[in-house]
Amino acid sequence: MNKLSTTLAVLAAGIVGPVTAASADMVETVTERGELVCGVHTGLVGFGAPDESGEWQGLDPDYCRAVATAILGEPKVKWVPLSAQARFTSLQNGEIDMLAQNSTMTLARDASLGLTFPAFNFYDGQGLLIRSDLGVTESKELDGATVCIQQGTTSEYVIRNHFTDMGISFTPVVIESGTEFFSAFFSGRCDVITSDLSQLAIVRLTSEDPEAYMVLPDIIAKSPLGPVVRGDDKAFENVVKWTSYALLTAEELGVTQANVDEMKMQDNADLQKFLGATPGVGELIGLGDDWVYNVISNVGNYSEIFDRNVGAGSPLALPRGQNALWSDGGLMYSPLF
């Protein structure tokens, strides 16, 4: 196998071959079934985890609710927790309709798995969490360290390249199970853990002694995250894509869960069309004209989803940063409706 083939194989996270599930009209399937089957994280506070009553909460589950509402008029979702290794295979095989699980878009995943990333819902970067008693301040000081890596993620490929580029060595400790990944680090099986910066911030803050750990300043890779669907159904891809854009556009227009009824009645042609008071926004993607209104009524706009799950209204209190709207200096940008 040549270098390019090896790289693509690693980036594909151990999954080979194009999608094998039979092509289907997923919008029709979800409508007839009466619920969306969504693959989510096995448990990551803020991005996808069950609450005390067993109901899934987080930024990614809210995207599943938004897509379900766009199709069904209400957020009826069946949750399927998946490991990093199983997530793409489950989507390929048709076991789930949509994957919303902190998945990073790469060339290999987008081009060779028969899958597609319709839109991004969180811009992240890969980083390193270490024990504070290591006494280091940047990654180039980690020569000889042991590093916990979760199998089946882009982190495995990126960290190997990062250490090679710095000319230092490390010992990988590959963890298969997502539920054991962070516990392996906190139990002392490795000196360093690498993952998306948002995940590292979360696990540090929720550890028994946050001051015993620190996130290094190095950002070693870009991680644009978003929902994933099979590539054989353009209609469903459009629904997922434009639902994501609707959440951003609603924030831009100041449409919230609390004021959506009032905004729908305003004497504004763009708002009336966007929210379905006048026809035109649904037919092109096979939905009713009130689909955006239903989504915002049930789930809220992007700002509301972000704030209650990972932002100012959550225990994590992550800043919007690059996930702010383009007009506020961030990367979140919606095409025109």
Protein backbone atom coordinates (compact mmCIF):
# COMPACT_ATOMS: atom_id res chain seq x y z
CA MET A 1 0.00 0.00 0.00
CA ASN A 2 1.46 3.40 -0.97
CA LYS A 3 1.62 6.42 1.36
CA LEU A 4 -1.55 8.01 -0.02
CA SER A 5 -3.51 4.79 0.36
CA THR A 6 -2.26 4.39 3.92
CA THR A 7 -3.25 7.94 4.77
CA LEU A 8 -6.73 7.52 3.36
CA ALA A 9 -7.19 4.25 5.20
CA VAL A 10 -6.28 5.87 8.50
CA LEU A 11 -8.47 8.89 7.85
CA ALA A 12 -11.35 6.59 7.06
CA ALA A 13 -11.15 5.41 10.67
CA GLY A 14 -10.90 1.77 9.81
CA ILE A 15 -13.96 1.73 7.56
CA VAL A 16 -13.59 0.66 3.95
CA GLY A 17 -15.90 0.54 1.01
CA PRO A 18 -18.74 2.74 -0.13
CA VAL A 19 -22.21 2.82 1.30
CA THR A 20 -24.01 -0.48 0.90
CA ALA A 21 -27.46 0.37 2.25
CA ALA A 22 -30.15 0.46 -0.39
CA SER A 23 -30.99 3.89 -1.69
CA ALA A 24 -34.24 5.18 -0.23
CA ASP A 25 -36.34 8.30 0.13
CA MET A 26 -35.44 9.02 3.73
CA VAL A 27 -37.92 11.87 4.12
CA GLU A 28 -40.71 9.46 3.15
CA THR A 29 -39.27 6.72 5.36
CA VAL A 30 -39.08 9.00 8.41
CA THR A 31 -42.60 10.28 7.74
CA GLU A 32 -44.05 6.78 7.51
CA ARG A 33 -42.13 5.56 10.55
CA GLY A 34 -43.08 8.60 12.58
CA GLU A 35 -39.61 9.17 14.04
CA LEU A 36 -36.02 9.93 13.03
CA VAL A 37 -33.40 7.35 14.03
CA CYS A 38 -30.34 9.32 15.08
CA GLY A 39 -26.87 8.07 16.03
CA VAL A 40 -25.39 10.01 18.95
CA HIS A 41 -22.39 9.99 21.27
CA THR A 42 -22.16 7.34 23.97
CA GLY A 43 -22.07 10.16 26.51
CA LEU A 44 -20.42 13.59 26.26
CA VAL A 45 -21.95 16.30 28.43
CA GLY A 46 -23.00 19.29 26.34
CA PHE A 47 -22.80 17.48 23.03
CA GLY A 48 -24.80 14.32 23.66
CA ALA A 49 -25.62 12.55 26.90
CA PRO A 50 -28.76 11.30 28.68
CA ASP A 51 -30.10 13.38 31.56
CA GLU A 52 -31.38 11.96 34.86
CA SER A 53 -34.61 10.87 33.21
CA GLY A 54 -32.76 9.15 30.36
CA GLU A 55 -33.64 11.80 27.75
CA TRP A 56 -30.81 12.74 25.43
CA GLN A 57 -29.60 16.32 25.73
CA GLY A 58 -26.87 18.27 23.97
CA LEU A 59 -26.01 20.25 20.88
CA ASP A 60 -26.03 17.21 18.59
CA PRO A 61 -29.30 15.73 19.89
CA ASP A 62 -30.92 19.13 19.38
CA TYR A 63 -29.86 18.97 15.72
CA CYS A 64 -31.56 15.59 15.49
CA ARG A 65 -34.68 17.13 17.03
CA ALA A 66 -34.53 20.00 14.54
CA VAL A 67 -34.34 17.64 11.53
CA ALA A 68 -37.10 15.43 12.92
CA THR A 69 -39.29 18.49 13.45
CA ALA A 70 -38.62 19.78 9.92
CA ILE A 71 -40.02 16.51 8.55
CA LEU A 72 -42.62 15.49 11.13
CA GLY A 73 -43.64 18.79 12.68
CA GLU A 74 -42.50 17.57 16.09
CA PRO A 75 -39.18 16.33 17.56
CA LYS A 76 -39.79 12.57 17.55
CA VAL A 77 -36.39 10.86 17.66
CA LYS A 78 -35.12 7.38 18.45
CA TRP A 79 -31.64 7.60 19.98
CA VAL A 80 -28.86 5.13 19.10
CA PRO A 81 -25.63 5.64 21.10
CA LEU A 82 -22.62 4.60 19.01
CA SER A 83 -18.90 4.17 19.56
CA ALA A 84 -16.41 6.01 17.36
CA GLN A 85 -15.63 2.78 15.49
CA ALA A 86 -19.26 1.83 14.85
CA ARG A 87 -20.75 5.20 13.95
CA PHE A 88 -20.00 5.31 10.20
CA THR A 89 -20.68 1.62 9.64
CA SER A 90 -24.07 1.97 11.32
CA LEU A 91 -24.91 4.86 9.02
CA GLN A 92 -23.69 2.99 5.94
CA ASN A 93 -25.75 -0.07 6.84
CA GLY A 94 -28.94 1.92 7.33
CA GLU A 95 -29.18 1.20 11.06
CA ILE A 96 -29.55 4.95 11.63
CA ASP A 97 -30.94 7.71 9.42
CA MET A 98 -28.50 10.40 10.50
CA LEU A 99 -25.34 10.64 12.59
CA ALA A 100 -24.87 13.58 14.98
CA GLN A 101 -21.88 12.69 17.10
CA ASN A 102 -18.99 15.19 17.01
CA SER A 103 -17.85 13.84 13.65
CA THR A 104 -15.00 15.61 11.86
CA MET A 105 -15.20 16.01 8.11
CA THR A 106 -12.16 14.70 6.23
CA LEU A 107 -11.54 14.09 2.54
CA ALA A 108 -11.55 10.31 2.95
CA ARG A 109 -14.77 10.25 4.96
CA ASP A 110 -16.52 12.57 2.56
CA ALA A 111 -15.22 11.00 -0.65
CA SER A 112 -14.81 7.28 -0.04
CA LEU A 113 -17.45 6.11 2.44
CA GLY A 114 -20.58 6.94 0.49
CA LEU A 115 -21.42 9.52 3.17
CA THR A 116 -21.75 13.29 3.14
CA PHE A 117 -21.45 16.14 5.65
CA PRO A 118 -24.30 18.55 4.80
CA ALA A 119 -23.25 21.38 7.15
CA PHE A 120 -21.12 22.14 10.20
CA ASN A 121 -22.66 22.79 13.60
CA PHE A 122 -19.47 23.33 15.63
CA TYR A 123 -15.97 24.46 14.65
CA ASP A 124 -13.41 22.89 16.92
CA GLY A 125 -9.71 22.05 17.00
CA GLN A 126 -7.70 19.11 18.28
CA GLY A 127 -5.67 19.68 21.42
CA LEU A 128 -3.88 17.99 24.30
CA LEU A 129 -4.89 17.57 27.95
CA ILE A 130 -2.09 16.74 30.39
CA ARG A 131 -1.53 16.27 34.10
CA SER A 132 -0.33 19.58 35.54
CA ASP A 133 2.44 17.84 37.48
CA LEU A 134 4.21 16.99 34.22
CA GLY A 135 5.54 20.53 34.35
CA VAL A 136 5.35 21.22 30.60
CA THR A 137 3.78 24.20 28.84
CA GLU A 138 3.76 23.13 25.19
CA SER A 139 3.62 19.91 23.22
CA LYS A 140 7.26 19.93 22.06
CA GLU A 141 8.23 19.20 25.69
CA LEU A 142 6.35 15.90 25.68
CA ASP A 143 9.15 13.70 24.32
CA GLY A 144 8.66 10.13 25.53
CA ALA A 145 5.17 10.72 26.91
CA THR A 146 2.39 8.15 26.80
CA VAL A 147 -0.66 9.38 24.90
CA CYS A 148 -4.19 7.96 25.11
CA ILE A 149 -5.81 7.80 21.66
CA GLN A 150 -9.36 6.78 20.85
CA GLN A 151 -9.41 4.21 18.07
CA GLY A 152 -11.49 5.08 15.04
CA THR A 153 -11.05 8.86 15.24
CA THR A 154 -9.03 11.38 13.23
CA SER A 155 -7.16 12.14 16.46
CA GLU A 156 -5.11 8.95 16.03
CA TYR A 157 -3.77 10.07 12.64
CA VAL A 158 -3.22 13.70 13.65
CA ILE A 159 -1.29 13.02 16.87
CA ARG A 160 1.12 10.64 15.13
CA ASN A 161 1.87 13.28 12.50
CA HIS A 162 2.22 16.01 15.12
CA PHE A 163 4.86 14.15 17.11
CA THR A 164 6.69 13.11 13.94
CA ASP A 165 6.79 16.72 12.72
CA MET A 166 8.24 17.85 16.07
CA GLY A 167 10.87 15.10 15.92
CA ILE A 168 9.96 13.61 19.29
CA SER A 169 8.69 10.20 20.31
CA PHE A 170 5.63 9.05 22.23
CA THR A 171 4.01 5.79 23.26
CA PRO A 172 0.40 5.43 22.08
CA VAL A 173 -2.16 3.84 24.39
CA VAL A 174 -5.03 2.99 22.05
CA ILE A 175 -8.43 2.81 23.73
CA GLU A 176 -11.23 1.11 21.80
CA SER A 177 -14.22 2.03 23.95
CA GLY A 178 -15.37 5.63 24.10
CA THR A 179 -16.70 5.12 27.61
CA GLU A 180 -13.22 4.03 28.79
CA PHE A 181 -11.29 6.71 26.92
CA PHE A 182 -11.28 9.50 29.50
CA SER A 183 -11.29 7.17 32.51
CA ALA A 184 -8.06 5.64 31.18
CA PHE A 185 -6.41 9.05 31.33
CA PHE A 186 -7.71 9.97 34.77
CA SER A 187 -6.68 6.58 36.15
CA GLY A 188 -3.07 7.26 35.10
CA ARG A 189 -2.72 4.92 32.11
CA CYS A 190 -1.23 7.77 30.08
CA ASP A 191 0.35 11.21 30.54
CA VAL A 192 -1.59 12.93 27.78
CA ILE A 193 -4.97 12.62 26.13
CA THR A 194 -5.80 14.08 22.74
CA SER A 195 -9.23 14.97 21.43
CA ASP A 196 -11.24 17.99 20.30
CA LEU A 197 -10.60 21.02 22.50
CA SER A 198 -14.27 21.24 23.46
CA GLN A 199 -14.22 17.67 24.76
CA LEU A 200 -10.99 18.28 26.68
CA ALA A 201 -12.42 21.41 28.31
CA ILE A 202 -15.53 19.47 29.31
CA VAL A 203 -13.76 16.49 30.85
CA ARG A 204 -11.30 18.74 32.69
CA LEU A 205 -14.07 20.87 34.21
CA THR A 206 -16.09 17.80 35.20
CA SER A 207 -13.13 15.92 36.73
CA GLU A 208 -12.75 15.52 40.48
CA ASP A 209 -9.83 18.00 40.54
CA PRO A 210 -9.76 20.32 37.51
CA GLU A 211 -6.63 22.11 38.74
CA ALA A 212 -4.70 18.84 38.49
CA TYR A 213 -5.00 19.00 34.71
CA MET A 214 -4.37 21.58 32.00
CA VAL A 215 -5.14 21.98 28.30
CA LEU A 216 -1.98 22.89 26.40
CA PRO A 217 -2.19 25.97 24.14
CA ASP A 218 -1.23 23.96 21.03
CA ILE A 219 -4.02 23.55 18.45
CA ILE A 220 -2.72 20.70 16.35
CA ALA A 221 -5.55 20.26 13.84
CA LYS A 222 -8.80 21.77 12.61
CA SER A 223 -11.97 19.89 13.53
CA PRO A 224 -15.06 21.06 11.67
CA LEU A 225 -17.88 19.01 13.20
CA GLY A 226 -21.36 18.32 11.90
CA PRO A 227 -24.11 15.82 11.17
CA VAL A 228 -23.51 13.07 8.61
CA VAL A 229 -25.94 11.33 6.23
CA ARG A 230 -25.66 8.73 3.50
CA GLY A 231 -24.73 10.12 0.11
CA ASP A 232 -27.46 8.37 -1.88
CA ASP A 233 -30.37 10.64 -0.94
CA LYS A 234 -29.99 14.25 -2.06
CA ALA A 235 -33.46 15.19 -0.82
CA PHE A 236 -32.71 14.15 2.76
CA GLU A 237 -29.26 15.75 2.58
CA ASN A 238 -30.97 19.02 1.61
CA VAL A 239 -33.33 18.78 4.57
CA VAL A 240 -30.44 18.32 7.01
CA LYS A 241 -28.40 21.06 5.32
CA TRP A 242 -31.14 23.68 5.19
CA THR A 243 -32.36 22.87 8.69
CA SER A 244 -28.87 23.75 9.88
CA TYR A 245 -28.94 26.95 7.84
CA ALA A 246 -32.42 27.79 9.15
CA LEU A 247 -31.10 27.74 12.72
CA LEU A 248 -28.40 30.26 11.76
CA THR A 249 -30.72 32.44 9.69
CA ALA A 250 -33.21 32.57 12.55
CA GLU A 251 -30.46 33.87 14.82
CA GLU A 252 -29.46 36.45 12.21
CA LEU A 253 -33.07 37.64 11.96
CA GLY A 254 -33.64 37.65 15.71
CA VAL A 255 -36.23 34.87 15.56
CA THR A 256 -36.31 32.88 18.79
CA GLN A 257 -38.39 30.15 20.35
CA ALA A 258 -40.11 32.80 22.48
CA ASN A 259 -40.96 35.31 19.74
CA VAL A 260 -41.45 33.12 16.64
CA ASP A 261 -45.25 33.57 16.68
CA GLU A 262 -44.93 37.33 16.88
CA MET A 263 -42.23 37.43 14.18
CA LYS A 264 -44.36 35.32 11.84
CA MET A 265 -47.09 37.96 11.91
CA GLN A 266 -44.83 40.94 11.23
CA ASP A 267 -45.34 42.92 8.03
CA ASN A 268 -42.07 41.71 6.55
CA ALA A 269 -42.12 39.67 3.34
CA ASP A 270 -38.84 37.86 4.07
CA LEU A 271 -39.90 36.86 7.58
CA GLN A 272 -43.34 35.74 6.43
CA LYS A 273 -41.83 33.53 3.74
CA PHE A 274 -39.07 32.22 6.02
CA LEU A 275 -41.59 31.22 8.69
CA GLY A 276 -44.22 29.90 6.29
CA ALA A 277 -46.89 32.57 6.59
CA THR A 278 -46.61 32.85 2.81
CA PRO A 279 -45.68 29.88 0.59
CA GLY A 280 -42.30 29.14 -0.96
CA VAL A 281 -39.76 27.92 1.58
CA GLY A 282 -40.88 24.29 1.81
CA GLU A 283 -41.77 22.99 -1.64
CA LEU A 284 -38.23 22.99 -3.04
CA ILE A 285 -37.04 20.50 -0.39
CA GLY A 286 -40.25 18.49 -0.12
CA LEU A 287 -41.51 19.94 3.16
CA GLY A 288 -44.47 21.99 4.26
CA ASP A 289 -44.06 25.76 4.24
CA ASP A 290 -44.24 25.89 8.04
CA TRP A 291 -41.19 23.66 8.59
CA VAL A 292 -38.89 26.46 9.73
CA TYR A 293 -41.57 27.81 12.06
CA ASN A 294 -41.97 24.32 13.56
CA VAL A 295 -38.22 23.89 14.03
CA ILE A 296 -37.74 27.22 15.82
CA SER A 297 -40.91 26.69 17.91
CA ASN A 298 -39.68 23.32 19.13
CA VAL A 299 -35.90 23.69 19.28
CA GLY A 300 -34.96 27.38 19.02
CA ASN A 301 -32.30 29.05 16.86
CA TYR A 302 -28.58 28.23 16.80
CA SER A 303 -27.74 30.69 19.57
CA GLU A 304 -30.35 29.13 21.86
CA ILE A 305 -29.10 25.60 21.12
CA PHE A 306 -25.48 26.62 21.70
CA ASP A 307 -26.12 28.60 24.89
CA ARG A 308 -28.25 26.03 26.72
CA ASN A 309 -25.98 23.08 25.90
CA VAL A 310 -22.40 24.33 25.87
CA GLY A 311 -22.50 28.14 26.15
CA ALA A 312 -23.35 30.78 28.71
CA GLY A 313 -26.53 29.05 29.85
CA SER A 314 -24.76 25.75 30.56
CA PRO A 315 -22.30 24.61 33.23
CA LEU A 316 -19.60 24.43 30.52
CA ALA A 317 -19.86 28.15 29.65
CA LEU A 318 -17.84 27.78 26.44
CA PRO A 319 -17.41 31.05 24.53
CA ARG A 320 -18.97 31.34 21.07
CA GLY A 321 -15.54 32.11 19.59
CA GLN A 322 -15.31 30.86 16.02
CA ASN A 323 -18.86 29.51 16.37
CA ALA A 324 -20.23 33.04 16.45
CA LEU A 325 -22.11 34.37 13.43
CA TRP A 326 -19.99 35.73 10.60
CA SER A 327 -21.32 39.21 11.41
CA ASP A 328 -19.83 38.86 14.91
CA GLY A 329 -16.42 37.69 13.71
CA GLY A 330 -17.16 33.96 13.73
CA LEU A 331 -17.38 31.27 11.04
CA MET A 332 -21.11 30.52 11.18
CA TYR A 333 -22.64 31.62 7.88
CA SER A 334 -25.85 30.68 6.11
CA PRO A 335 -26.56 31.01 2.39
CA LEU A 336 -29.64 33.00 1.47
CA PHE A 337 -33.07 31.45 1.72
